[in-house]
Amino acid sequence: NRNGISFTIWDRWTIHGKEDFTLLDFINAVKEKYGIEPTMVVQGVKMLYVPIVPGHAKRLKLTMHKLVKPSAEKKYVDLTVSFAPDTDGDEDLPGPPVRYYFSHDTDEQKLS
């Protein structure tokens, strides 16, 4: 439970993007929908965004398509996000998995 937001390990959050959705848009969407701002975004073992890593700030402008490279048959990707702790010095808190859909469409999006 954090700032009145609670989730369990069984929860999964979802964000629906669109073709030109950037990493910053994703972070803002999580913040808007769930009330906490991700401090780190990870896909499997690949760190998509860690603010302390040099060069990662530039990634905020990149599209999610470019960062996670969806395959034609996959409509979504599962990401892990972390949040800043309530007090300084604590470790970042892991959030529930976030399923990011590449588009609002439920039917197959044609990638050209």
Protein backbone atom coordinates (compact mmCIF):
# COMPACT_ATOMS: atom_id res chain seq x y z
CA ASN A 1 0.00 0.00 0.00
CA ARG A 2 1.44 3.35 -1.02
CA ASN A 3 -0.27 6.74 -0.96
CA GLY A 4 -3.59 4.94 -0.61
CA ILE A 5 -2.82 2.72 -3.60
CA SER A 6 -2.68 -0.97 -2.92
CA PHE A 7 -2.09 -3.93 -5.16
CA THR A 8 -1.32 -7.60 -4.75
CA ILE A 9 1.16 -9.81 -6.54
CA TRP A 10 -1.80 -11.16 -8.53
CA ASP A 11 -2.75 -7.78 -9.95
CA ARG A 12 -1.86 -6.72 -13.44
CA TRP A 13 -2.23 -3.18 -14.66
CA THR A 14 -2.96 -2.37 -18.30
CA ILE A 15 -2.08 0.58 -20.48
CA HIS A 16 -3.36 1.00 -24.04
CA GLY A 17 -1.04 2.95 -26.30
CA LYS A 18 -1.02 3.92 -29.93
CA GLU A 19 1.53 3.88 -32.72
CA ASP A 20 3.39 7.08 -31.72
CA PHE A 21 3.13 6.47 -27.95
CA THR A 22 6.47 7.39 -26.34
CA LEU A 23 8.08 6.06 -23.18
CA LEU A 24 7.20 9.37 -21.51
CA ASP A 25 3.57 8.90 -22.61
CA PHE A 26 3.66 5.43 -21.03
CA ILE A 27 5.05 6.78 -17.73
CA ASN A 28 2.47 9.57 -17.71
CA ALA A 29 -0.34 7.10 -18.51
CA VAL A 30 0.65 4.91 -15.54
CA LYS A 31 0.84 8.02 -13.34
CA GLU A 32 -2.57 9.24 -14.53
CA LYS A 33 -4.35 5.89 -14.34
CA TYR A 34 -2.82 4.47 -11.16
CA GLY A 35 -1.62 7.54 -9.27
CA ILE A 36 2.07 6.69 -8.93
CA GLU A 37 4.96 7.60 -11.19
CA PRO A 38 7.25 4.81 -12.39
CA THR A 39 10.93 5.39 -11.61
CA MET A 40 12.05 2.39 -13.63
CA VAL A 41 10.63 0.42 -16.58
CA VAL A 42 11.95 -3.06 -17.38
CA GLN A 43 11.05 -5.64 -20.04
CA GLY A 44 12.24 -9.06 -18.87
CA VAL A 45 15.98 -8.55 -18.30
CA LYS A 46 16.15 -5.46 -20.52
CA MET A 47 16.17 -2.14 -18.71
CA LEU A 48 14.10 0.24 -20.84
CA TYR A 49 14.34 3.20 -18.49
CA VAL A 50 16.44 3.75 -15.40
CA PRO A 51 16.90 7.49 -14.69
CA ILE A 52 20.38 7.12 -13.17
CA VAL A 53 21.77 5.37 -16.26
CA PRO A 54 23.51 7.86 -18.59
CA GLY A 55 21.58 8.31 -21.82
CA HIS A 56 18.33 6.84 -20.54
CA ALA A 57 16.68 10.29 -20.29
CA LYS A 58 16.89 10.45 -24.10
CA ARG A 59 14.77 7.30 -24.29
CA LEU A 60 11.74 9.17 -22.93
CA LYS A 61 11.20 10.62 -26.42
CA LEU A 62 11.44 7.22 -28.15
CA THR A 63 8.27 5.40 -29.14
CA MET A 64 7.33 2.22 -27.32
CA HIS A 65 7.39 0.46 -30.72
CA LYS A 66 11.06 1.36 -31.10
CA LEU A 67 11.98 0.40 -27.52
CA VAL A 68 10.25 -2.97 -27.26
CA LYS A 69 10.06 -3.97 -30.96
CA PRO A 70 6.73 -5.80 -31.08
CA SER A 71 6.37 -8.86 -33.25
CA ALA A 72 3.49 -8.92 -35.72
CA GLU A 73 1.52 -11.52 -33.76
CA LYS A 74 1.99 -9.88 -30.35
CA LYS A 75 -0.48 -7.11 -29.50
CA TYR A 76 1.06 -6.37 -26.12
CA VAL A 77 4.19 -6.62 -24.00
CA ASP A 78 4.45 -7.23 -20.26
CA LEU A 79 6.61 -4.70 -18.45
CA THR A 80 7.78 -4.34 -14.87
CA VAL A 81 7.72 -0.91 -13.26
CA SER A 82 9.18 0.32 -9.99
CA PHE A 83 8.21 3.32 -7.91
CA ALA A 84 10.07 5.70 -5.63
CA PRO A 85 9.87 4.74 -1.96
CA ASP A 86 7.97 6.87 0.56
CA THR A 87 11.21 7.78 2.31
CA ASP A 88 14.63 8.60 0.92
CA GLY A 89 17.21 5.87 1.18
CA ASP A 90 14.74 3.03 0.71
CA GLU A 91 14.90 0.79 -2.33
CA ASP A 92 12.53 1.44 -5.22
CA LEU A 93 9.32 -0.50 -4.77
CA PRO A 94 8.33 -3.00 -7.45
CA GLY A 95 4.84 -2.50 -8.85
CA PRO A 96 2.56 -5.08 -10.41
CA PRO A 97 3.27 -6.16 -13.98
CA VAL A 98 1.97 -3.69 -16.54
CA ARG A 99 0.59 -5.10 -19.79
CA TYR A 100 1.18 -2.51 -22.49
CA TYR A 101 -1.06 -2.85 -25.56
CA PHE A 102 0.44 -1.31 -28.69
CA SER A 103 -2.90 0.06 -29.85
CA HIS A 104 -6.45 0.66 -28.69
CA ASP A 105 -7.69 -1.75 -31.35
CA THR A 106 -8.67 -5.17 -30.14
CA ASP A 107 -8.45 -6.66 -33.62
CA GLU A 108 -5.08 -7.23 -35.29
CA GLN A 109 -3.24 -4.03 -36.19
CA LYS A 110 -1.61 -4.22 -39.59
CA LEU A 111 2.06 -3.26 -39.34
CA SER A 112 3.47 -1.95 -42.59
